[in-house]
Amino acid sequence: MNIKINKTEFNELTKVKSYIVGSKLYKTDNPDSDTDYLVIYEPIGDSDIYYPNYHQLQYDCIDSNSQYICITKRQFYKNLF
């Protein structure tokens, strides 16, 4: 489940890296497709160590027709392996 955040909250994240994912990555997009990004961010303080986050944050930018799915670095690697 994704937790929706607003632009201000999205801008407050300490972003480490972002990657294009979804239809544009797989070259299956069409003119109406949005651009999906996976954003890896550092959590504020030690909250990621003490409180596991099984959810991802999601910011939908209407101006650029983009969707940003944000996940902590620790959770990204946990999901990867």
Protein backbone atom coordinates (compact mmCIF):
# COMPACT_ATOMS: atom_id res chain seq x y z
CA MET A 1 0.00 0.00 0.00
CA ASN A 2 1.25 3.46 -0.86
CA ILE A 3 0.77 6.42 1.44
CA LYS A 4 0.04 9.58 -0.55
CA ILE A 5 2.09 12.65 0.31
CA ASN A 6 1.93 16.23 -0.93
CA LYS A 7 4.56 18.31 -2.72
CA THR A 8 5.90 19.88 0.47
CA GLU A 9 6.38 16.49 2.13
CA PHE A 10 7.96 15.11 -1.05
CA ASN A 11 10.44 18.01 -1.17
CA GLU A 12 11.43 17.39 2.46
CA LEU A 13 12.68 13.87 1.73
CA THR A 14 16.44 13.48 1.52
CA LYS A 15 16.59 11.83 -1.87
CA VAL A 16 19.52 9.52 -2.59
CA LYS A 17 18.72 8.38 -6.12
CA SER A 18 15.75 8.09 -8.47
CA TYR A 19 15.13 5.67 -11.29
CA ILE A 20 12.59 5.56 -14.11
CA VAL A 21 10.38 2.48 -13.77
CA GLY A 22 7.15 1.27 -15.30
CA SER A 23 6.09 1.49 -18.93
CA LYS A 24 8.81 3.95 -19.94
CA LEU A 25 11.50 1.63 -18.60
CA TYR A 26 10.07 -1.31 -20.53
CA LYS A 27 9.35 0.78 -23.65
CA THR A 28 5.65 -0.09 -23.53
CA ASP A 29 4.51 3.50 -22.98
CA ASN A 30 2.13 5.41 -25.22
CA PRO A 31 1.48 9.18 -25.60
CA ASP A 32 -0.94 9.12 -22.63
CA SER A 33 1.46 7.31 -20.25
CA ASP A 34 2.77 9.02 -17.17
CA THR A 35 6.38 8.78 -16.04
CA ASP A 36 6.94 6.61 -12.99
CA TYR A 37 9.97 7.09 -10.75
CA LEU A 38 11.28 4.99 -7.90
CA VAL A 39 12.91 7.35 -5.40
CA ILE A 40 15.22 5.99 -2.73
CA TYR A 41 15.47 8.32 0.27
CA GLU A 42 17.14 8.49 3.65
CA PRO A 43 14.70 8.53 6.57
CA ILE A 44 14.74 11.37 9.07
CA GLY A 45 16.78 10.36 12.12
CA ASP A 46 16.82 6.70 13.14
CA SER A 47 13.13 6.10 12.48
CA ASP A 48 13.92 3.47 9.84
CA ILE A 49 15.84 1.38 12.36
CA TYR A 50 13.23 1.36 15.10
CA TYR A 51 10.01 1.49 13.09
CA PRO A 52 9.91 -0.82 10.08
CA ASN A 53 8.07 0.72 7.15
CA TYR A 54 6.27 -1.73 4.92
CA HIS A 55 4.56 1.02 3.00
CA GLN A 56 5.90 3.29 0.31
CA LEU A 57 5.27 7.00 -0.03
CA GLN A 58 3.68 8.22 -3.25
CA TYR A 59 3.66 11.70 -4.73
CA ASP A 60 1.65 12.41 -7.90
CA CYS A 61 2.89 15.46 -9.80
CA ILE A 62 0.05 16.66 -12.00
CA ASP A 63 2.16 19.36 -13.67
CA SER A 64 4.65 16.89 -15.16
CA ASN A 65 2.30 13.86 -15.35
CA SER A 66 4.73 11.95 -13.13
CA GLN A 67 4.31 9.57 -10.24
CA TYR A 68 7.02 9.20 -7.60
CA ILE A 69 7.13 6.08 -5.44
CA CYS A 70 9.46 6.69 -2.49
CA ILE A 71 11.12 3.98 -0.43
CA THR A 72 13.89 4.01 2.16
CA LYS A 73 17.28 2.67 1.22
CA ARG A 74 17.00 -0.04 3.86
CA GLN A 75 13.55 -1.17 2.66
CA PHE A 76 14.73 -1.14 -0.97
CA TYR A 77 17.53 -3.59 -0.19
CA LYS A 78 15.27 -5.67 2.04
CA ASN A 79 12.78 -6.03 -0.83
CA LEU A 80 15.57 -6.72 -3.31
CA PHE A 81 16.88 -9.70 -1.38
